[in-house]
Amino acid sequence: MLRHYVEAGAFSAERLIPVVAEIGEALVLKLAFDSGTPPSEATLADIADQAIPLARGLPTP
């Protein structure tokens, strides 16, 4: 998911550090564990569009 945003030019590859990738994965797993179902496409988009940029100190939409 994050590589897609790098390829699309949303942010540079240098910002894709391991801990940021772990944050996204952790959120996906936590949400799946809590609900018993995988997160929806909309929730995955929210993680990519809101949580990850916020973790990197980038502006969010």
PDB file of N, CA and C in Angstrom:
ATOM      1  N   MET A   1       0.831  -1.173   0.000  1.00  0.00           N
ATOM      2  CA  MET A   1       0.000   0.000   0.000  1.00  0.00           C
ATOM      3  C   MET A   1       0.887   1.251   0.000  1.00  0.00           C
ATOM      4  N   LEU A   2       1.883   1.270   0.861  1.00  0.00           N
ATOM      5  CA  LEU A   2       2.744   2.446   0.943  1.00  0.00           C
ATOM      6  C   LEU A   2       3.603   2.602  -0.300  1.00  0.00           C
ATOM      7  N   ARG A   3       4.048   1.498  -0.859  1.00  0.00           N
ATOM      8  CA  ARG A   3       4.851   1.585  -2.085  1.00  0.00           C
ATOM      9  C   ARG A   3       4.033   2.198  -3.220  1.00  0.00           C
ATOM     10  N   HIS A   4       2.735   1.898  -3.251  1.00  0.00           N
ATOM     11  CA  HIS A   4       1.855   2.492  -4.252  1.00  0.00           C
ATOM     12  C   HIS A   4       1.901   4.021  -4.151  1.00  0.00           C
ATOM     13  N   TYR A   5       1.859   4.546  -2.935  1.00  0.00           N
ATOM     14  CA  TYR A   5       1.888   5.991  -2.740  1.00  0.00           C
ATOM     15  C   TYR A   5       3.240   6.576  -3.132  1.00  0.00           C
ATOM     16  N   VAL A   6       4.309   5.846  -2.885  1.00  0.00           N
ATOM     17  CA  VAL A   6       5.634   6.298  -3.319  1.00  0.00           C
ATOM     18  C   VAL A   6       5.677   6.343  -4.841  1.00  0.00           C
ATOM     19  N   GLU A   7       5.205   5.275  -5.485  1.00  0.00           N
ATOM     20  CA  GLU A   7       5.214   5.218  -6.945  1.00  0.00           C
ATOM     21  C   GLU A   7       4.323   6.294  -7.556  1.00  0.00           C
ATOM     22  N   ALA A   8       3.248   6.648  -6.868  1.00  0.00           N
ATOM     23  CA  ALA A   8       2.341   7.686  -7.358  1.00  0.00           C
ATOM     24  C   ALA A   8       2.874   9.091  -7.091  1.00  0.00           C
ATOM     25  N   GLY A   9       3.974   9.182  -6.350  1.00  0.00           N
ATOM     26  CA  GLY A   9       4.579  10.472  -6.064  1.00  0.00           C
ATOM     27  C   GLY A   9       3.977  11.207  -4.884  1.00  0.00           C
ATOM     28  N   ALA A  10       3.177  10.505  -4.069  1.00  0.00           N
ATOM     29  CA  ALA A  10       2.548  11.142  -2.914  1.00  0.00           C
ATOM     30  C   ALA A  10       3.586  11.529  -1.858  1.00  0.00           C
ATOM     31  N   PHE A  11       4.618  10.719  -1.722  1.00  0.00           N
ATOM     32  CA  PHE A  11       5.742  11.063  -0.866  1.00  0.00           C
ATOM     33  C   PHE A  11       6.956  10.282  -1.325  1.00  0.00           C
ATOM     34  N   SER A  12       8.122  10.733  -0.906  1.00  0.00           N
ATOM     35  CA  SER A  12       9.366  10.137  -1.391  1.00  0.00           C
ATOM     36  C   SER A  12       9.658   8.815  -0.686  1.00  0.00           C
ATOM     37  N   ALA A  13      10.417   7.976  -1.360  1.00  0.00           N
ATOM     38  CA  ALA A  13      10.786   6.674  -0.810  1.00  0.00           C
ATOM     39  C   ALA A  13      11.587   6.812   0.477  1.00  0.00           C
ATOM     40  N   GLU A  14      12.300   7.917   0.629  1.00  0.00           N
ATOM     41  CA  GLU A  14      13.080   8.131   1.849  1.00  0.00           C
ATOM     42  C   GLU A  14      12.185   8.212   3.089  1.00  0.00           C
ATOM     43  N   ARG A  15      10.947   8.605   2.895  1.00  0.00           N
ATOM     44  CA  ARG A  15      10.012   8.702   4.020  1.00  0.00           C
ATOM     45  C   ARG A  15       9.431   7.341   4.404  1.00  0.00           C
ATOM     46  N   LEU A  16       9.621   6.350   3.564  1.00  0.00           N
ATOM     47  CA  LEU A  16       9.095   5.016   3.833  1.00  0.00           C
ATOM     48  C   LEU A  16      10.109   4.234   4.671  1.00  0.00           C
ATOM     49  N   ILE A  17      10.231   4.628   5.930  1.00  0.00           N
ATOM     50  CA  ILE A  17      11.170   3.971   6.831  1.00  0.00           C
ATOM     51  C   ILE A  17      10.469   2.783   7.490  1.00  0.00           C
ATOM     52  N   PRO A  18      11.225   1.808   7.978  1.00  0.00           N
ATOM     53  CA  PRO A  18      10.621   0.590   8.527  1.00  0.00           C
ATOM     54  C   PRO A  18       9.556   0.828   9.597  1.00  0.00           C
ATOM     55  N   VAL A  19       9.772   1.755  10.498  1.00  0.00           N
ATOM     56  CA  VAL A  19       8.801   1.940  11.577  1.00  0.00           C
ATOM     57  C   VAL A  19       7.470   2.454  11.026  1.00  0.00           C
ATOM     58  N   VAL A  20       7.497   3.255   9.969  1.00  0.00           N
ATOM     59  CA  VAL A  20       6.259   3.737   9.365  1.00  0.00           C
ATOM     60  C   VAL A  20       5.502   2.579   8.733  1.00  0.00           C
ATOM     61  N   ALA A  21       6.205   1.708   8.043  1.00  0.00           N
ATOM     62  CA  ALA A  21       5.557   0.526   7.468  1.00  0.00           C
ATOM     63  C   ALA A  21       4.950  -0.348   8.561  1.00  0.00           C
ATOM     64  N   GLU A  22       5.626  -0.460   9.672  1.00  0.00           N
ATOM     65  CA  GLU A  22       5.117  -1.264  10.790  1.00  0.00           C
ATOM     66  C   GLU A  22       3.841  -0.662  11.379  1.00  0.00           C
ATOM     67  N   ILE A  23       3.751   0.656  11.406  1.00  0.00           N
ATOM     68  CA  ILE A  23       2.553   1.301  11.937  1.00  0.00           C
ATOM     69  C   ILE A  23       1.335   0.897  11.117  1.00  0.00           C
ATOM     70  N   GLY A  24       1.461   0.950   9.796  1.00  0.00           N
ATOM     71  CA  GLY A  24       0.347   0.566   8.930  1.00  0.00           C
ATOM     72  C   GLY A  24      -0.050  -0.880   9.124  1.00  0.00           C
ATOM     73  N   GLU A  25       0.933  -1.764   9.142  1.00  0.00           N
ATOM     74  CA  GLU A  25       0.648  -3.183   9.339  1.00  0.00           C
ATOM     75  C   GLU A  25       0.010  -3.431  10.700  1.00  0.00           C
ATOM     76  N   ALA A  26       0.509  -2.764  11.723  1.00  0.00           N
ATOM     77  CA  ALA A  26      -0.034  -2.944  13.069  1.00  0.00           C
ATOM     78  C   ALA A  26      -1.495  -2.500  13.131  1.00  0.00           C
ATOM     79  N   LEU A  27      -1.821  -1.384  12.487  1.00  0.00           N
ATOM     80  CA  LEU A  27      -3.211  -0.924  12.477  1.00  0.00           C
ATOM     81  C   LEU A  27      -4.120  -1.914  11.764  1.00  0.00           C
ATOM     82  N   VAL A  28      -3.668  -2.433  10.640  1.00  0.00           N
ATOM     83  CA  VAL A  28      -4.475  -3.409   9.894  1.00  0.00           C
ATOM     84  C   VAL A  28      -4.709  -4.644  10.748  1.00  0.00           C
ATOM     85  N   LEU A  29      -3.664  -5.166  11.360  1.00  0.00           N
ATOM     86  CA  LEU A  29      -3.808  -6.367  12.185  1.00  0.00           C
ATOM     87  C   LEU A  29      -4.674  -6.111  13.416  1.00  0.00           C
ATOM     88  N   LYS A  30      -4.510  -4.965  14.056  1.00  0.00           N
ATOM     89  CA  LYS A  30      -5.309  -4.647  15.232  1.00  0.00           C
ATOM     90  C   LYS A  30      -6.792  -4.561  14.883  1.00  0.00           C
ATOM     91  N   LEU A  31      -7.088  -3.868  13.789  1.00  0.00           N
ATOM     92  CA  LEU A  31      -8.486  -3.744  13.375  1.00  0.00           C
ATOM     93  C   LEU A  31      -9.084  -5.098  13.032  1.00  0.00           C
ATOM     94  N   ALA A  32      -8.321  -5.947  12.355  1.00  0.00           N
ATOM     95  CA  ALA A  32      -8.801  -7.289  12.025  1.00  0.00           C
ATOM     96  C   ALA A  32      -9.004  -8.117  13.286  1.00  0.00           C
ATOM     97  N   PHE A  33      -8.085  -8.020  14.209  1.00  0.00           N
ATOM     98  CA  PHE A  33      -8.197  -8.765  15.465  1.00  0.00           C
ATOM     99  C   PHE A  33      -9.408  -8.305  16.260  1.00  0.00           C
ATOM    100  N   ASP A  34      -9.586  -6.992  16.378  1.00  0.00           N
ATOM    101  CA  ASP A  34     -10.694  -6.442  17.163  1.00  0.00           C
ATOM    102  C   ASP A  34     -12.062  -6.797  16.587  1.00  0.00           C
ATOM    103  N   SER A  35     -12.183  -6.769  15.268  1.00  0.00           N
ATOM    104  CA  SER A  35     -13.490  -6.981  14.650  1.00  0.00           C
ATOM    105  C   SER A  35     -13.717  -8.410  14.179  1.00  0.00           C
ATOM    106  N   GLY A  36     -12.648  -9.168  14.024  1.00  0.00           N
ATOM    107  CA  GLY A  36     -12.777 -10.535  13.522  1.00  0.00           C
ATOM    108  C   GLY A  36     -12.887 -10.610  12.010  1.00  0.00           C
ATOM    109  N   THR A  37     -12.787  -9.458  11.336  1.00  0.00           N
ATOM    110  CA  THR A  37     -12.816  -9.423   9.877  1.00  0.00           C
ATOM    111  C   THR A  37     -11.748  -8.461   9.380  1.00  0.00           C
ATOM    112  N   PRO A  38     -11.278  -8.657   8.149  1.00  0.00           N
ATOM    113  CA  PRO A  38     -10.281  -7.732   7.608  1.00  0.00           C
ATOM    114  C   PRO A  38     -10.871  -6.330   7.459  1.00  0.00           C
ATOM    115  N   PRO A  39     -10.031  -5.306   7.569  1.00  0.00           N
ATOM    116  CA  PRO A  39     -10.517  -3.943   7.367  1.00  0.00           C
ATOM    117  C   PRO A  39     -11.047  -3.749   5.946  1.00  0.00           C
ATOM    118  N   SER A  40     -12.018  -2.880   5.804  1.00  0.00           N
ATOM    119  CA  SER A  40     -12.584  -2.572   4.496  1.00  0.00           C
ATOM    120  C   SER A  40     -11.582  -1.774   3.659  1.00  0.00           C
ATOM    121  N   GLU A  41     -11.871  -1.679   2.386  1.00  0.00           N
ATOM    122  CA  GLU A  41     -11.031  -0.863   1.503  1.00  0.00           C
ATOM    123  C   GLU A  41     -11.011   0.583   1.976  1.00  0.00           C
ATOM    124  N   ALA A  42     -12.144   1.078   2.458  1.00  0.00           N
ATOM    125  CA  ALA A  42     -12.208   2.457   2.945  1.00  0.00           C
ATOM    126  C   ALA A  42     -11.316   2.649   4.171  1.00  0.00           C
ATOM    127  N   THR A  43     -11.305   1.664   5.062  1.00  0.00           N
ATOM    128  CA  THR A  43     -10.460   1.752   6.249  1.00  0.00           C
ATOM    129  C   THR A  43      -8.989   1.680   5.866  1.00  0.00           C
ATOM    130  N   LEU A  44      -8.649   0.816   4.927  1.00  0.00           N
ATOM    131  CA  LEU A  44      -7.263   0.751   4.449  1.00  0.00           C
ATOM    132  C   LEU A  44      -6.843   2.087   3.836  1.00  0.00           C
ATOM    133  N   ALA A  45      -7.738   2.694   3.087  1.00  0.00           N
ATOM    134  CA  ALA A  45      -7.439   4.007   2.507  1.00  0.00           C
ATOM    135  C   ALA A  45      -7.241   5.046   3.602  1.00  0.00           C
ATOM    136  N   ASP A  46      -8.057   4.989   4.653  1.00  0.00           N
ATOM    137  CA  ASP A  46      -7.892   5.926   5.770  1.00  0.00           C
ATOM    138  C   ASP A  46      -6.537   5.757   6.446  1.00  0.00           C
ATOM    139  N   ILE A  47      -6.108   4.518   6.605  1.00  0.00           N
ATOM    140  CA  ILE A  47      -4.793   4.263   7.204  1.00  0.00           C
ATOM    141  C   ILE A  47      -3.705   4.890   6.342  1.00  0.00           C
ATOM    142  N   ALA A  48      -3.792   4.649   5.030  1.00  0.00           N
ATOM    143  CA  ALA A  48      -2.775   5.168   4.119  1.00  0.00           C
ATOM    144  C   ALA A  48      -2.829   6.682   3.979  1.00  0.00           C
ATOM    145  N   ASP A  49      -4.038   7.234   3.985  1.00  0.00           N
ATOM    146  CA  ASP A  49      -4.200   8.665   3.746  1.00  0.00           C
ATOM    147  C   ASP A  49      -4.078   9.519   4.995  1.00  0.00           C
ATOM    148  N   GLN A  50      -4.363   8.937   6.157  1.00  0.00           N
ATOM    149  CA  GLN A  50      -4.409   9.735   7.376  1.00  0.00           C
ATOM    150  C   GLN A  50      -3.358   9.308   8.401  1.00  0.00           C
ATOM    151  N   ALA A  51      -3.348   8.047   8.777  1.00  0.00           N
ATOM    152  CA  ALA A  51      -2.465   7.598   9.853  1.00  0.00           C
ATOM    153  C   ALA A  51      -0.990   7.634   9.456  1.00  0.00           C
ATOM    154  N   ILE A  52      -0.674   7.121   8.285  1.00  0.00           N
ATOM    155  CA  ILE A  52       0.727   7.056   7.864  1.00  0.00           C
ATOM    156  C   ILE A  52       1.315   8.456   7.679  1.00  0.00           C
ATOM    157  N   PRO A  53       0.652   9.344   6.933  1.00  0.00           N
ATOM    158  CA  PRO A  53       1.220  10.696   6.823  1.00  0.00           C
ATOM    159  C   PRO A  53       1.363  11.393   8.166  1.00  0.00           C
ATOM    160  N   LEU A  54       0.386  11.224   9.031  1.00  0.00           N
ATOM    161  CA  LEU A  54       0.463  11.831  10.361  1.00  0.00           C
ATOM    162  C   LEU A  54       1.672  11.308  11.131  1.00  0.00           C
ATOM    163  N   ALA A  55       1.931  10.015  11.016  1.00  0.00           N
ATOM    164  CA  ALA A  55       3.092   9.420  11.696  1.00  0.00           C
ATOM    165  C   ALA A  55       4.409   9.982  11.167  1.00  0.00           C
ATOM    166  N   ARG A  56       4.411  10.406   9.922  1.00  0.00           N
ATOM    167  CA  ARG A  56       5.612  10.948   9.305  1.00  0.00           C
ATOM    168  C   ARG A  56       5.668  12.467   9.380  1.00  0.00           C
ATOM    169  N   GLY A  57       4.668  13.083  10.000  1.00  0.00           N
ATOM    170  CA  GLY A  57       4.661  14.527  10.101  1.00  0.00           C
ATOM    171  C   GLY A  57       4.301  15.217   8.804  1.00  0.00           C
ATOM    172  N   LEU A  58       3.572  14.511   7.952  1.00  0.00           N
ATOM    173  CA  LEU A  58       3.151  15.075   6.665  1.00  0.00           C
ATOM    174  C   LEU A  58       1.726  15.582   6.775  1.00  0.00           C
ATOM    175  N   PRO A  59       1.341  16.504   5.901  1.00  0.00           N
ATOM    176  CA  PRO A  59      -0.048  16.972   5.926  1.00  0.00           C
ATOM    177  C   PRO A  59      -1.000  15.848   5.522  1.00  0.00           C
ATOM    178  N   THR A  60      -2.174  15.868   6.108  1.00  0.00           N
ATOM    179  CA  THR A  60      -3.209  14.893   5.754  1.00  0.00           C
ATOM    180  C   THR A  60      -4.344  15.622   5.058  1.00  0.00           C
ATOM    181  N   PRO A  61      -5.102  14.890   4.226  1.00  0.00           N
ATOM    182  CA  PRO A  61      -6.207  15.561   3.503  1.00  0.00           C
ATOM    183  C   PRO A  61      -7.287  16.068   4.434  1.00  0.00           C
TER     184      PRO A  61
END
